[in-house]
Amino acid sequence: MVPLDITADASRAPIALEVQHAAHNYHPLEVVVASGEGAWVTDVNGRRFLDCLAAYSAVNFGHSDPVLLAAARAQLGRITLTSRAFYNDQLGPFVTALAELCGKDMVLPMNTGAEAVESGIKVARAWGYRVKGVAANAANIIVAAGNFHGRTTTIVSFSDDESASRGFGPFTPGFRMVPFGDAAALEAAMDENTVAVLLEPIQGEAGIIVPPADYLPSVREITTRHNVLFIADEIQSGLGRTGATFSCDLVGVVPDLYLLGKALGGGIVPVSAVVGNADILGVLKPGEHGSTFGGNPFAAAVGLAVVKLLATGEYQKRARELGARLHSALTALVGHGVVEVRGAGLWAGIDIDPALASGRAVCEALLVRGVLAKDTHGSTIRLAPPLVVSADDIDWAVAQLAAVLVELAAP
């Protein structure tokens, strides 16, 4: 399938007046999306685009998935919010199914990915004080350089991305940064007050950085030996994106806590969660942590439908098989405007030769050809189409990238 009239003048829809009143915390491409189905979206002028970002993996199951929409519509007609002051009939089935999917026995439901990270930090500190016996206010957590876990004040306190942290201090103490992929440096940074290691198994915002195959197994061994929690931020990398339910599965590693979000809400509603066992998550007591919307019946109904889709294994299989096709096609572009390709499943980081163009310029050229992608860190672009994308769509998208590279190289 190709977008309508891809050879026509690619004039962009004018940005609506209302959008001009939005805070300038994003620099979007000049396209105004009006609807979507599967892996494709349509703008206000009726032009179709292949979505190769999938809302940073939040739309893993495609736009307007009929199963997820049916679950949402059914719940909308019943009740959408009760707060956690009361039980609701959707929360129990959701957390039970999600715990089973993760192989754990307790779920802390929240809303956004950043809330899941913040919650994981609080749980780790509480566990450190109440179980490990760390002295009050002395806990530290080890993180990796190049990380992206969100943009709250605490989270940017341990970011080395100046665009996320510059001008927002003072910062939250209690974090130690080590190089990503270096297990020896991670162990050297530990002391008796270390309560957790917080990592993205594959770093997304950094450019889909895949660590050495022995890295996560080494982290698991080190954290176990030192009685330190291993927290895996699978908010972007999890829920089928890399060809497995979790990217940790690719190397046979089970963390103490999973941080989940994005695709857990099916692209319909914000849903996030911290998932672990009761000996860790059970340290929280009533009143110590919460969320008015966390675990609401609407979110739980959609989240349960998502978990049921993942339980079939179909989406993980598609990501593995189509991901192999995607990476094979992209690797063929190395030396032809592409310096390196990284990733797993339907997730790819593509380093463009900086002498040729910036990542932004490549994404703008792809937009003209009907492909939506996103740049990061200068000359890197990311591809993360919905897992319902077809083989023909993938071939077509890579062909558009190849054509863009040829155009940019022309004198």
Protein backbone atom coordinates (compact mmCIF):
# COMPACT_ATOMS: atom_id res chain seq x y z
CA MET A 1 0.00 0.00 0.00
CA VAL A 2 1.30 3.47 -0.88
CA PRO A 3 0.06 6.92 0.11
CA LEU A 4 -2.32 8.77 -2.14
CA ASP A 5 -0.66 10.73 -4.94
CA ILE A 6 2.92 10.46 -3.68
CA THR A 7 4.22 12.31 -6.75
CA ALA A 8 1.99 15.33 -6.22
CA ASP A 9 3.14 18.57 -4.72
CA ALA A 10 3.76 17.82 -1.06
CA SER A 11 2.56 21.12 0.32
CA ARG A 12 1.94 20.80 4.02
CA ALA A 13 -1.32 21.57 5.71
CA PRO A 14 -1.23 24.91 7.47
CA ILE A 15 -0.79 24.56 11.19
CA ALA A 16 -4.11 25.25 12.85
CA LEU A 17 -4.34 28.50 14.75
CA GLU A 18 -5.13 26.65 17.97
CA VAL A 19 -1.85 24.70 17.79
CA GLN A 20 0.07 27.97 17.84
CA HIS A 21 -1.12 28.41 21.43
CA ALA A 22 0.49 25.15 22.54
CA ALA A 23 3.73 25.41 24.55
CA HIS A 24 6.81 25.11 22.35
CA ASN A 25 8.24 22.01 24.01
CA TYR A 26 8.18 20.03 20.76
CA HIS A 27 9.44 20.66 17.23
CA PRO A 28 7.01 18.59 15.15
CA LEU A 29 7.27 17.82 11.47
CA GLU A 30 4.87 19.91 9.39
CA VAL A 31 2.01 17.44 9.09
CA VAL A 32 -1.43 17.65 10.71
CA VAL A 33 -2.77 14.15 11.29
CA ALA A 34 -6.54 13.72 11.29
CA SER A 35 -7.12 9.94 11.34
CA GLY A 36 -5.36 6.61 11.26
CA GLU A 37 -5.89 2.93 10.60
CA GLY A 38 -3.35 0.17 11.05
CA ALA A 39 0.13 1.44 10.19
CA TRP A 40 -1.17 4.40 8.17
CA VAL A 41 -2.40 7.89 9.08
CA THR A 42 -4.18 10.53 7.03
CA ASP A 43 -3.66 14.27 7.28
CA VAL A 44 -6.25 17.04 7.08
CA ASN A 45 -5.72 17.26 3.31
CA GLY A 46 -6.45 13.57 2.78
CA ARG A 47 -2.85 12.56 2.17
CA ARG A 48 -1.78 9.23 3.66
CA PHE A 49 1.50 8.51 5.45
CA LEU A 50 3.12 5.32 6.70
CA ASP A 51 3.64 5.84 10.42
CA CYS A 52 7.15 4.66 11.23
CA LEU A 53 7.20 6.16 14.73
CA ALA A 54 4.05 4.64 16.26
CA ALA A 55 4.01 7.37 18.91
CA TYR A 56 7.37 6.19 20.27
CA SER A 57 6.02 2.60 20.50
CA ALA A 58 2.73 3.60 22.15
CA VAL A 59 0.84 2.47 19.02
CA ASN A 60 2.40 -0.99 18.74
CA PHE A 61 -0.95 -2.52 17.76
CA GLY A 62 -1.71 0.04 15.09
CA HIS A 63 -4.15 2.89 14.86
CA SER A 64 -7.82 2.12 15.48
CA ASP A 65 -7.28 -1.54 16.34
CA PRO A 66 -10.82 -2.98 16.37
CA VAL A 67 -10.30 -5.19 19.42
CA LEU A 68 -8.90 -2.37 21.51
CA LEU A 69 -11.54 0.10 20.31
CA ALA A 70 -14.28 -2.38 21.19
CA ALA A 71 -12.90 -2.75 24.71
CA ALA A 72 -12.69 1.03 25.09
CA ARG A 73 -16.19 1.66 23.77
CA ALA A 74 -17.71 -1.02 25.97
CA GLN A 75 -16.15 0.49 29.07
CA LEU A 76 -17.02 4.07 28.10
CA GLY A 77 -20.67 3.11 28.33
CA ARG A 78 -20.27 1.71 31.85
CA ILE A 79 -17.90 3.72 34.06
CA THR A 80 -14.54 5.37 33.45
CA LEU A 81 -13.25 6.59 36.83
CA THR A 82 -13.82 5.66 40.46
CA SER A 83 -10.43 6.58 42.00
CA ARG A 84 -8.61 3.99 44.08
CA ALA A 85 -10.72 4.94 47.09
CA PHE A 86 -12.97 2.11 45.86
CA TYR A 87 -12.49 -1.12 43.92
CA ASN A 88 -13.63 -1.36 40.32
CA ASP A 89 -14.47 -4.51 38.41
CA GLN A 90 -11.81 -3.99 35.72
CA LEU A 91 -8.75 -3.52 37.93
CA GLY A 92 -8.54 -7.07 39.25
CA PRO A 93 -8.64 -8.80 35.85
CA PHE A 94 -6.12 -6.32 34.44
CA VAL A 95 -3.48 -6.60 37.15
CA THR A 96 -3.89 -10.38 37.31
CA ALA A 97 -3.35 -10.77 33.57
CA LEU A 98 -0.43 -8.32 33.50
CA ALA A 99 1.27 -10.02 36.44
CA GLU A 100 0.94 -13.36 34.65
CA LEU A 101 2.35 -11.91 31.42
CA CYS A 102 5.37 -10.64 33.36
CA GLY A 103 5.82 -13.74 35.49
CA LYS A 104 5.42 -11.64 38.64
CA ASP A 105 2.76 -11.45 41.35
CA MET A 106 2.06 -7.75 41.95
CA VAL A 107 1.26 -4.71 39.80
CA LEU A 108 1.30 -1.02 40.71
CA PRO A 109 -0.85 0.71 38.04
CA MET A 110 -0.11 4.29 37.09
CA ASN A 111 -0.72 6.47 34.02
CA THR A 112 2.35 7.72 32.17
CA GLY A 113 5.77 6.20 31.64
CA ALA A 114 7.45 8.89 33.70
CA GLU A 115 5.10 8.07 36.59
CA ALA A 116 6.14 4.43 36.35
CA VAL A 117 9.80 5.46 36.57
CA GLU A 118 9.16 7.78 39.52
CA SER A 119 7.19 5.02 41.21
CA GLY A 120 9.97 2.52 40.62
CA ILE A 121 12.46 4.89 42.23
CA LYS A 122 10.24 5.29 45.31
CA VAL A 123 9.73 1.54 45.59
CA ALA A 124 13.48 0.89 45.31
CA ARG A 125 14.28 3.43 48.01
CA ALA A 126 11.57 2.10 50.32
CA TRP A 127 12.83 -1.45 49.77
CA GLY A 128 16.38 -0.31 50.49
CA TYR A 129 15.42 1.26 53.80
CA ARG A 130 12.87 -1.29 54.98
CA VAL A 131 14.35 -4.54 53.67
CA LYS A 132 18.03 -4.08 52.87
CA GLY A 133 18.65 -1.85 55.88
CA VAL A 134 20.22 1.18 54.18
CA ALA A 135 20.57 4.18 56.49
CA ALA A 136 17.87 6.85 56.18
CA ASN A 137 18.26 9.15 53.16
CA ALA A 138 21.48 7.42 52.07
CA ALA A 139 20.15 5.26 49.22
CA ASN A 140 21.68 5.57 45.77
CA ILE A 141 20.58 4.22 42.40
CA ILE A 142 22.91 3.49 39.49
CA VAL A 143 21.85 4.64 36.01
CA ALA A 144 23.46 4.58 32.57
CA ALA A 145 24.86 7.38 30.46
CA GLY A 146 22.67 8.17 27.48
CA ASN A 147 19.54 7.17 29.37
CA PHE A 148 16.07 8.49 28.73
CA HIS A 149 13.50 7.68 31.38
CA GLY A 150 11.28 10.77 31.09
CA ARG A 151 11.38 14.49 31.80
CA THR A 152 10.20 15.04 35.36
CA THR A 153 12.52 17.00 37.63
CA THR A 154 13.83 13.91 39.40
CA ILE A 155 14.34 11.98 36.16
CA VAL A 156 16.26 14.76 34.41
CA SER A 157 18.44 14.91 37.51
CA PHE A 158 20.17 11.77 36.23
CA SER A 159 20.14 12.60 32.52
CA ASP A 160 23.26 13.61 30.61
CA ASP A 161 21.15 15.18 27.85
CA GLU A 162 21.64 18.90 28.42
CA SER A 163 18.53 19.80 26.43
CA ALA A 164 16.47 17.90 29.03
CA SER A 165 18.26 19.15 32.13
CA ARG A 166 19.83 22.55 31.45
CA GLY A 167 18.08 25.30 33.38
CA PHE A 168 15.89 23.01 35.50
CA GLY A 169 18.00 22.58 38.65
CA PRO A 170 18.49 22.14 41.53
CA PHE A 171 18.45 18.40 40.95
CA THR A 172 17.47 15.40 43.01
CA PRO A 173 20.47 13.64 44.60
CA GLY A 174 20.97 9.92 44.96
CA PHE A 175 21.97 8.78 41.47
CA ARG A 176 25.27 7.55 40.02
CA MET A 177 25.89 7.40 36.29
CA VAL A 178 28.09 4.82 34.57
CA PRO A 179 28.70 4.04 30.88
CA PHE A 180 25.95 1.98 29.22
CA GLY A 181 27.10 -1.50 28.35
CA ASP A 182 29.96 -1.57 30.87
CA ALA A 183 29.11 -4.08 33.61
CA ALA A 184 32.48 -3.66 35.35
CA ALA A 185 31.94 0.10 35.74
CA LEU A 186 28.47 -0.57 37.08
CA GLU A 187 29.77 -2.93 39.75
CA ALA A 188 32.60 -0.54 40.66
CA ALA A 189 30.03 2.20 41.33
CA MET A 190 28.14 0.14 43.91
CA ASP A 191 28.46 0.46 47.65
CA GLU A 192 26.51 -0.71 50.69
CA ASN A 193 23.89 2.02 50.06
CA THR A 194 23.12 1.05 46.46
CA VAL A 195 19.49 -0.06 46.27
CA ALA A 196 18.91 -0.43 42.54
CA VAL A 197 20.26 -0.35 39.01
CA LEU A 198 17.86 1.36 36.60
CA LEU A 199 18.42 0.63 32.90
CA GLU A 200 16.75 0.62 29.52
CA PRO A 201 17.62 -2.84 28.13
CA ILE A 202 17.92 -1.11 24.76
CA GLN A 203 18.29 2.66 24.86
CA GLY A 204 15.60 4.27 22.72
CA GLU A 205 16.02 8.03 22.69
CA ALA A 206 19.80 7.62 22.51
CA GLY A 207 19.36 6.09 19.06
CA ILE A 208 18.30 2.45 19.63
CA ILE A 209 21.55 1.50 21.34
CA VAL A 210 21.83 -2.27 21.84
CA PRO A 211 24.34 -3.30 24.53
CA PRO A 212 26.71 -6.27 24.21
CA ALA A 213 24.90 -9.62 24.50
CA ASP A 214 26.52 -10.40 27.85
CA TYR A 215 25.73 -7.04 29.43
CA LEU A 216 22.25 -7.58 30.86
CA PRO A 217 23.09 -11.12 32.09
CA SER A 218 26.13 -9.64 33.84
CA VAL A 219 24.00 -6.88 35.37
CA ARG A 220 21.56 -9.51 36.62
CA GLU A 221 24.36 -11.54 38.21
CA ILE A 222 26.01 -8.49 39.79
CA THR A 223 22.80 -7.06 41.23
CA THR A 224 21.80 -10.44 42.66
CA ARG A 225 25.21 -10.92 44.26
CA HIS A 226 25.17 -7.44 45.83
CA ASN A 227 21.51 -7.59 46.95
CA VAL A 228 20.57 -4.72 44.63
CA LEU A 229 17.37 -4.46 42.62
CA PHE A 230 17.53 -4.62 38.82
CA ILE A 231 14.87 -2.32 37.36
CA ALA A 232 14.25 -2.65 33.61
CA ASP A 233 12.63 0.32 31.91
CA GLU A 234 10.75 -1.49 29.14
CA ILE A 235 8.43 1.44 28.43
CA GLN A 236 9.62 1.76 24.82
CA SER A 237 11.36 -1.57 24.30
CA GLY A 238 8.72 -3.83 25.82
CA LEU A 239 5.36 -5.29 24.84
CA GLY A 240 6.39 -6.85 21.55
CA ARG A 241 8.49 -4.11 20.00
CA THR A 242 11.76 -6.07 19.81
CA GLY A 243 10.31 -9.45 18.82
CA ALA A 244 9.75 -10.64 22.39
CA THR A 245 7.33 -9.61 25.10
CA PHE A 246 10.22 -7.78 26.78
CA SER A 247 13.62 -6.97 25.34
CA CYS A 248 15.13 -8.57 28.45
CA ASP A 249 13.73 -11.84 27.10
CA LEU A 250 16.12 -11.63 24.15
CA VAL A 251 19.03 -12.45 26.48
CA GLY A 252 17.15 -14.58 29.00
CA VAL A 253 17.15 -12.03 31.82
CA VAL A 254 14.37 -11.42 34.35
CA PRO A 255 14.63 -8.12 36.27
CA ASP A 256 13.21 -7.51 39.73
CA LEU A 257 10.91 -4.75 38.47
CA TYR A 258 9.50 -4.03 35.04
CA LEU A 259 8.55 -0.44 34.21
CA LEU A 260 5.85 -0.47 31.53
CA GLY A 261 3.85 2.17 29.68
CA LYS A 262 3.22 3.46 26.15
CA ALA A 263 1.84 0.38 24.32
CA LEU A 264 0.14 -0.80 27.51
CA GLY A 265 -2.59 1.73 26.75
CA GLY A 266 -3.03 0.55 23.18
CA GLY A 267 -2.58 4.07 21.83
CA ILE A 268 -5.96 4.93 23.35
CA VAL A 269 -5.34 6.01 26.95
CA PRO A 270 -2.23 6.52 29.11
CA VAL A 271 -1.55 3.34 31.08
CA SER A 272 1.66 2.47 32.92
CA ALA A 273 2.71 0.05 35.60
CA VAL A 274 5.48 -1.14 37.87
CA VAL A 275 5.43 -4.93 37.96
CA GLY A 276 7.33 -7.09 40.44
CA ASN A 277 6.91 -9.52 43.28
CA ALA A 278 5.27 -8.81 46.60
CA ASP A 279 8.55 -8.99 48.51
CA ILE A 280 9.52 -5.76 46.71
CA LEU A 281 6.32 -3.98 45.67
CA GLY A 282 4.72 -4.98 48.95
CA VAL A 283 6.88 -2.46 50.82
CA LEU A 284 4.38 0.27 49.89
CA LYS A 285 1.73 0.92 52.50
CA PRO A 286 -1.66 2.66 52.08
CA GLY A 287 -1.26 6.39 51.70
CA GLU A 288 2.42 6.31 50.73
CA HIS A 289 1.88 6.40 46.97
CA GLY A 290 -1.06 6.76 44.65
CA SER A 291 -2.78 8.30 41.67
CA THR A 292 -6.34 9.46 41.14
CA PHE A 293 -6.39 8.00 37.64
CA GLY A 294 -4.01 5.08 38.14
CA GLY A 295 -5.87 1.80 37.69
CA ASN A 296 -9.07 3.52 36.57
CA PRO A 297 -11.64 1.16 35.01
CA PHE A 298 -11.34 2.62 31.51
CA ALA A 299 -7.56 2.28 31.48
CA ALA A 300 -7.76 -1.18 33.05
CA ALA A 301 -10.23 -2.39 30.43
CA VAL A 302 -7.99 -1.23 27.59
CA GLY A 303 -4.87 -2.53 29.34
CA LEU A 304 -6.48 -5.95 29.78
CA ALA A 305 -7.30 -6.07 26.07
CA VAL A 306 -3.66 -5.22 25.29
CA VAL A 307 -2.37 -8.00 27.55
CA LYS A 308 -4.72 -10.48 25.86
CA LEU A 309 -3.34 -9.50 22.45
CA LEU A 310 0.23 -10.04 23.67
CA ALA A 311 -0.66 -13.36 25.30
CA THR A 312 -1.25 -14.86 21.85
CA GLY A 313 2.39 -14.29 20.85
CA GLU A 314 1.27 -13.13 17.40
CA TYR A 315 2.65 -9.62 17.70
CA GLN A 316 6.00 -10.75 19.05
CA LYS A 317 6.29 -13.17 16.12
CA ARG A 318 5.46 -10.44 13.59
CA ALA A 319 8.06 -8.14 15.12
CA ARG A 320 10.71 -10.86 14.90
CA GLU A 321 9.99 -11.85 11.32
CA LEU A 322 9.30 -8.43 9.85
CA GLY A 323 12.12 -6.97 11.93
CA ALA A 324 14.57 -9.33 10.24
CA ARG A 325 13.30 -8.09 6.88
CA LEU A 326 13.60 -4.45 7.96
CA HIS A 327 17.14 -4.78 9.30
CA SER A 328 18.32 -6.72 6.25
CA ALA A 329 17.03 -4.00 3.94
CA LEU A 330 18.47 -1.18 6.05
CA THR A 331 21.87 -2.85 6.36
CA ALA A 332 22.11 -2.83 2.57
CA LEU A 333 22.14 0.98 2.77
CA VAL A 334 25.33 1.08 4.88
CA GLY A 335 27.97 2.84 2.81
CA HIS A 336 25.29 4.56 0.74
CA GLY A 337 24.55 7.46 3.06
CA VAL A 338 24.08 5.25 6.12
CA VAL A 339 26.92 4.75 8.59
CA GLU A 340 25.38 2.19 10.95
CA VAL A 341 22.10 0.39 11.66
CA ARG A 342 21.16 -0.89 15.12
CA GLY A 343 18.13 -2.36 16.78
CA ALA A 344 15.98 -5.42 17.36
CA GLY A 345 12.64 -6.48 15.98
CA LEU A 346 10.67 -3.63 14.45
CA TRP A 347 12.90 -1.01 16.02
CA ALA A 348 15.85 0.51 14.19
CA GLY A 349 18.30 3.32 14.77
CA ILE A 350 19.91 4.52 11.55
CA ASP A 351 22.97 6.74 11.65
CA ILE A 352 23.04 9.01 8.60
CA ASP A 353 26.41 10.20 7.34
CA PRO A 354 26.56 13.66 8.95
CA ALA A 355 28.40 14.95 5.88
CA LEU A 356 25.30 14.09 3.87
CA ALA A 357 22.47 15.44 6.04
CA SER A 358 21.08 15.79 9.52
CA GLY A 359 18.52 13.35 10.81
CA ARG A 360 15.94 16.11 10.75
CA ALA A 361 16.60 16.81 7.07
CA VAL A 362 16.18 13.13 6.23
CA CYS A 363 12.90 12.96 8.17
CA GLU A 364 11.62 16.05 6.36
CA ALA A 365 12.49 14.46 3.01
CA LEU A 366 10.78 11.23 4.04
CA LEU A 367 7.69 13.24 4.97
CA VAL A 368 7.49 14.51 1.40
CA ARG A 369 7.52 10.88 0.25
CA GLY A 370 4.81 9.78 2.68
CA VAL A 371 6.86 8.29 5.52
CA LEU A 372 6.73 9.59 9.10
CA ALA A 373 9.93 9.06 11.10
CA LYS A 374 11.75 10.88 13.89
CA ASP A 375 15.31 12.04 14.30
CA THR A 376 17.40 12.06 17.46
CA HIS A 377 20.88 13.21 18.42
CA GLY A 378 21.79 14.99 15.22
CA SER A 379 22.20 12.48 12.43
CA THR A 380 20.24 9.48 13.71
CA ILE A 381 16.72 8.58 12.64
CA ARG A 382 14.48 6.00 14.25
CA LEU A 383 12.03 3.63 12.63
CA ALA A 384 9.40 1.95 14.82
CA PRO A 385 6.32 1.13 12.74
CA PRO A 386 3.27 -0.46 14.37
CA LEU A 387 3.62 -4.22 14.67
CA VAL A 388 0.70 -4.62 12.24
CA VAL A 389 2.78 -3.13 9.41
CA SER A 390 2.96 -5.31 6.28
CA ALA A 391 6.06 -6.67 4.54
CA ASP A 392 5.21 -4.55 1.49
CA ASP A 393 4.95 -1.45 3.68
CA ILE A 394 8.40 -2.12 5.11
CA ASP A 395 9.93 -2.62 1.67
CA TRP A 396 8.31 0.58 0.46
CA ALA A 397 9.49 2.61 3.45
CA VAL A 398 13.11 1.47 3.02
CA ALA A 399 12.86 2.24 -0.69
CA GLN A 400 11.79 5.78 0.17
CA LEU A 401 14.76 6.15 2.51
CA ALA A 402 17.10 4.87 -0.21
CA ALA A 403 15.65 7.38 -2.65
CA VAL A 404 16.06 10.22 -0.16
CA LEU A 405 19.72 9.31 0.35
CA VAL A 406 20.30 9.34 -3.42
CA GLU A 407 18.62 12.75 -3.71
CA LEU A 408 20.69 14.20 -0.88
CA ALA A 409 23.90 12.87 -2.42
CA ALA A 410 23.16 14.38 -5.83
CA PRO A 411 25.32 17.41 -6.74
